[in-house]
Structure formats: structure tokens, C-alpha cells
Amino acid sequence: MFERDLHIISCSVNSERTLLAVSFRQYTEEERVSRLLQSVSKYLTLLIEIHPINNVRVLKAVDSCVRVQFLYPDEGKRTSTESRLLLASEDKYIEQFDIHVVEEEEHKVVIQNPGQLPRARVADDLIWAQWDMMEQRLFYIVPKESRNTLKCIQFYPDENFNSVLESHLDISVHDTRLKLVNFGYDYCQDQEVAPKSLNLQVFTSKAGGLCVCCSLVSDIPDEITYSIYFLHKGYNKTFTVSLERTETHQLKEVAFLNLDYYVAAYLPGQFLHLLNIQHPDLLCYSLFLAGENARIDRLCNCSIQSPLVSTVLDCSAGSIYAVSISDNALLQFLWNSKQDSERLAALHCALLYVGSTADLEMQIIWWISENLSTCHTFDPIQEFIIASLYCRMCPETHNLDKLLPYTSLLDWTGVIPEVTCATDIIPLPILDFQNSKGFWDKFNSNLESVKYAEPHLHYHNNVLRREWLNLSEEKEERRTTAYLRNIIENAKKVLAHLDTWDCEERLTPLFQEEDYQQQLLMGLMVAQLKEHLMRHLQYVGKKKIDQIVLDYVANLLNLIHRMMKEVWRRYQLHSCIFCFDKRGSAAEFAVFHVMSRILEASNGMCLPLPPGFHTLHLGLGVRCLPLHTLLHYIDNGVLHLTETCVRKLLRDLDHTEKNEKLKFSIVTRLPEALGQKVHQFWNHPVNANFIAQKYVKLLLEKLGNRQYSRPVPERHSVPVEFLPLNYLTSMLAEIENQDLHPCEKQDHVNVRFVEETALKHTMMLLDLKYS
């Protein structure tokens, strides 16, 4: 108990709650003069034993302000015999006191040798310092030559500490007074309105990110300038914001908040800028909010600090709040946003920060289905697939986030209204740490990625597309190689792996047929992604990488199926739409449009589609599109002719003129291999003529590959007095007799079939009746 009210500067209690350190101001300058107390120190720092009560030791009696902070060892290594205390003086130094205690009778804990407390100088000549309470780290800045140098000291539970980081920062400091952050609230410092005081904070993230946030002085009254130094990326970004309202009494310093995945620059009443720490390269992943969107409840016009991750201290009220991004507000912002930069930033924030949940994915898929034509600078389907895969896969293995793609964009040329950004390369920090498996190991891994040109580490599909096209064009006899068998085996593993996830009845008719082309693409993706990960994750092991790759490709197919299922459910379609006797509904046309955009997105990034996708897409196209549009889509590769759909179309449609025209248009566009499989399902003279022409062509090709030493004899058994046809049938019969029959599987196709078909076709052209 003190006999009078005191102005407390700082206080701290040790982890065992046995010692209290307190720093306070004894007298103001006016009080000292009036009481003739010039020889009495202005500030006093005491170390107090809590039990017994009020047993006091004087640590400092000086005219400069002092801050105190006990160190807290790990919970598992807590000791009751020793405590360590930091003293930060406005004379620009920090020192550490080692305090040994002993326990006496009646549970009293007293200081051992109170007159000789060991001390060590931690830092000198500093102009700024920040204490990291959770990780027991001290960041501080010292002037060094032409640049200021940021340093970090890590305190360990075994009583040791050492400097682990040094980074040169091009930050100009006009006010050389010491600025302390997270050493307790400084009322006097907060009341100062000097525009040149240093407003700087250091934030770290769980993924090994380290950012230095600094508010800079702007010469233009209507502008605010601040810089974010992404030390883990090797560059800084300086933002200049033009303010809408510039009432002097409302303007305060930019406050910086640590949200782990984001750093927020907040100016109450003006803007809230969420900067992506993990992917700061493209501005479109940072969310800039202004006006009412930038409002933070209860923090609208007050001085705030961010002492811990996702926490905010209201300095004026003395209240601390937990801060988080609202899922509902984020989705509402996504629906209401009009600019691509806002949409893309909100989409990534929802998927990577909030976390991918079933309900959130459903809401985003619904938003995508409604906004396919409103996004001009990015493909929302591609971003949804890639970002969702990144979110699902990266927690599995350390450093996987540096190897998998997180976006479909290579660059971003858009702008954020009222905001300008300048990017500068900065020297990479110097690290000096040993045997650390926590933050510093992750931070060092990030620096290594920068050294090896990080963008090139992310997997991309350039080689995959070229190899897939080469394999797709291979001839049938070359598809028996061991390499190709391995590719198909990879695809089968993916589909089998996927079957173990989804045991419920599928709403959409996918995964119900084989698609050779998509199996090739799946298998190739597995092979190339495995090769990519093996190159950079050699310490993980082949078995683990095999599992990661299977999970990745299976999750990719599952995401596309999830999109289809949600769209199917939203438009209330039935499980099967393969009935060609009626036109499609408006809902079916909407689903067809979404499927077309999914196909476009997958083609753009060379992503495999679930087996049956092309069949379902073609079936909807036949129902929903007029004939000329349907054929245009087929000719331009939007719709793919599949055996399942074409066979059902030829078999189920009746023989009306309209349907026969559709069948004929489809048949003439069939690939050769597919045509041989489905022609037999269409009983029509045009189809018979086509089969006959094909048969003659094959026989003549065989003839061309074989040399005959004698002329082909005439065949008088054909009772037709049409010499060209007589000669042709005679020659074809001779080739058949040479055991060169090319159509063993079609017993009804022979010379007689060709002859009859030719006569029927000729009579039709001459409008004569054939009997």
C-alpha cells in the first residue's frame, strides 16, 4: 500500500505470482521545484515481494521513465526459484535482471541476496522496441549508418537469450525519442499529437510471416501513407490512400492489427485495408474497404493497439477485444461487391482465412453460378477450385504451401480506386538461430523459397497440357506401352480413392462410365505432380507423397462434382435427364451454361473432369439448344461426342425428319473410332451408305498395300448391267477372296451389301423406285 496516489508507469508480475515489479513517477517537475526536492529522483522502480506483504527492493531511482516486464518461461519448464525481469529505459537501453528467490516457512518467498541482483545489458542505443509476450521476443531498432536496423532477441526458457535477426530498413525517423510497444499503455505518449512520432509495429504469423508495419508522414493533407515490409518475401509495399473526408478533429494515426493471415491497416471513419501476409504479391488478394464497410464495431473513433494476434486494445477505455472476420458479413460483401478486385479478395478470404466448410462452399458455389458473366479479369470457377484445393491440402505437410498453386492468375493489372501502391525490393534479413522448430524455422524456410525464386516452385500445368495432347493423338497400337499402362493405373487409383469418400447416392449422373481421355489427364497429373513434389520434398518420403498426390487429384474431381451437385440441387433437376423426347427447361439451360463454364475453366488450366461429365453436358445440349447452335458447339469443341450419349440418341429418337436430320448431323461429326462403334444403332439408308463407303475405302486401302501380278477377273455372277459397278464389285470380291476382309466384326457388311446400297443410293438420286 502506498500512502498517496501515484502515477503508475509500468508494472509486471512473475509467472509464479510471487514478485511484482512496478515503475512510477514520484513527483512532477513542478512538485520537485515547489518542495525543493531537486536531489530526489523523478521516477522510481521497485521490486516487491508479494508474500510477505510489502517487502520492497529498489531497482532504479532515476529521472528517466522506466518500463518493466517479467519473462515467462514455457509452461512445462516453470520454476519457482528464479525469475527474469526486463527494464526498458527511455535513455535508450534495455537490461535484464536475474532474480533468485528462496521459499521460507509459512510459504513465504523472498529474494536471495537482494543487494546483488545479477544484470545483463540486452540492447543499447535503440530508438524503438516492441515486446512479443506470447513468443518471448524483443524487437528493436537501432540507427546504423544511413539506415535503421531492425533486430530481434529471442529469450529461451533455459535463461539464455541471443540475437536471431537483423534486417536493414529504409525508414526515416524524425523523432529520436524512444518509442515502446507492448510494454504497457503510455497515457502521456498517447496524448501527444506530434505528427513525426514513430508509428511502427512488427507482426508475425503462424506460417512464418514477418511484417513491419509503419505509418509514414505525408506532405499532402488529404492523403495517408503507410508501408508494409514483408521481410519473409523480400520486398515492401507502400500504399497511399486519398481520403474522402478530411475533418482534422477526426483524423488519427493508422492503427495496425494482426489477424495472423492478414495485417489490417485501420483508420477509423475512413478505411480498413486487409493485407494478405502469405500471398502479398498481387493486390487482388488484399481487401480494401471504405465507408460503412470499413466499420469495426466498438472501435469507430478511438486509439487502439494490437498487442496479440486477433486482439485489439481500446486505449482510451482500457478494454481489450477479440477481433475476427465475420463469415456472414464476408459473404454479404461478396454478393454486393461490384469490382473484380473486391470479389477476388473476398473469395480468397472466405476460402483460405475463414476455412472451407460445407455451408460456406455451398454459398460460394451459388454466388459463382449467379456471377459467371460479371467477373471480367478472373475466372471464379478456376479460383474456387485452386484456392479450395490449396486450403484442403496445405495443412497436410510442411512447405506444401510453397509447391501447390493458390491461384489461377499469373499477374494482376487491375487497380483499387483511391489507392496507389509502390513495391520495392529490400535485402533479405540475416538469421542466426540453432535447433529451432517453431517460428524461426518456418521463417527461414520462407526466405529460402525467396532465394530460389518462389513463383517457379509452384506446380503448373504447362507440360501436362503438351503431354496430354501427345498421348491423345497416339495411335491405338502404341497404347500398350508400360508408360501408358502406368498412366491409366494412376487414374484408376484416383477413382478408387474417390469411391471410398462418397458412399451416398450421387445426385448427378457422374462417375458412371469410363472416359479414356479424362483418365489419361488424371494419370498424367498424378505422375507430374508426384515428380514435382519428389524434387522439392525429398525428406517426406515416397509413400507420403503418393498419398498427397492421390488426395489432391481426388479432391479436384470431388470439388467439380460438388459444384455440379449444388447447382443440380439449386435448380431442382432430376437425377437423369437423358430423355430426348422433349425440350429442356429454363433450369436445365441454366445448368448447361454452368457446365459450359466449368468446361472452359478446366480447359484453361488443363484440369481433369469427372467421368461422365461430357456425356451429361452433351445430353443437356441436345435438350436445350437449337440444332445449328448444337452443331456449332460440337464443331468448336464446347460439346464432346461420347459413345454413351450418341448411342442413346440414335436408338431412342424416332424417324421424324427433324430427328433424322439431327442424327445425320451427329453421325457425320463422329471420330472414326467412335463411328465404328455406334453406326450399327442407326437403321437408315444414309447410315448404310456411309458404312458401305467406309467398307470400300478399307478394301481399296488393303488393295493399295498389296501388289497383284495378274489382272482382276471379271465376275459374271453379279446380275447388274452397270459396267462400273460390275467392275467394282468384282474387284472387291477378289480382295475378299484374298482373306483381306477388314470388317470381321460386322458380318452383314460384304460386297453384296455394298452393291445393294450403291443401287439404292443411285435410284434415290434419280427419283426412281427401287425394287
Foldseek 3Di string as FASTA:
>chain_A
DDPDDWAWDEKEAAPVRFKIKTKTFPDDPVVCVVVVPPVFAGMWIWIAGPVVHGPIDTDDRHNWGKFKYKAYADPVLDDDFWTKMWIQTQQFWIKIWIWGWDADPPRGIDTDPRVDIDMGTDDGQWQEWEAQRVQGKIWTWHDDPQWIKIWMKGAHNVRDIDIFWIFTDRDDQPDRTHYYYPRDDDPVVVPDPPPRHWDWDWDAAQLQWIKIKTWDDDPDQQKTKIKIAGLLQQKIKIKIFGWDDRDPVQWDAFEWAAQRQWIWTATAQFKIKTAGNVDNPALLQIAIDTDPLRDDPPPRGADWYHNDHQKIARSVVRDMDGHDDDLVSLLVCLLPDQDLSNVSNSLLCNPAPVHDDLVSLLSLLVSCLVCQPRRDPFGSVQQNLQQNLLNVQPVPDRPVNLAADNGPDPHDDDDDPRMDMDMDGGDRMGGDDPDDPGNVVSSVVSNVCSVVPSVVRYDACPVLVVVLVVVVPDDPVVCPDPVNVQLLVQLVLLLVVLCVVDVDDQLAPFLPDDDVSLSNSNSSQLVVQLVSCCVPVVVPDSVVSNVSSSVSLSSSQVSLSSSLRSLCVVLVHGRDQQDLPAADDPSLVSSLVVLLSVVVSCVVRVRGYTHPSLLSSLSSCSRYDDQVVSLVCPVVVSHDDDLVNLLSLQQPDDPDPRSVVSNVSVLVPDDPVSNVVRLVNHPDLVSLQVVLVVQLVQLVVVVVVDDDPDDQDFDPPDPDPDVVLRVSLSVQVVSVVVVPRPCPVDVVDGSVSSSVSVVVVVCVVVVHDDD
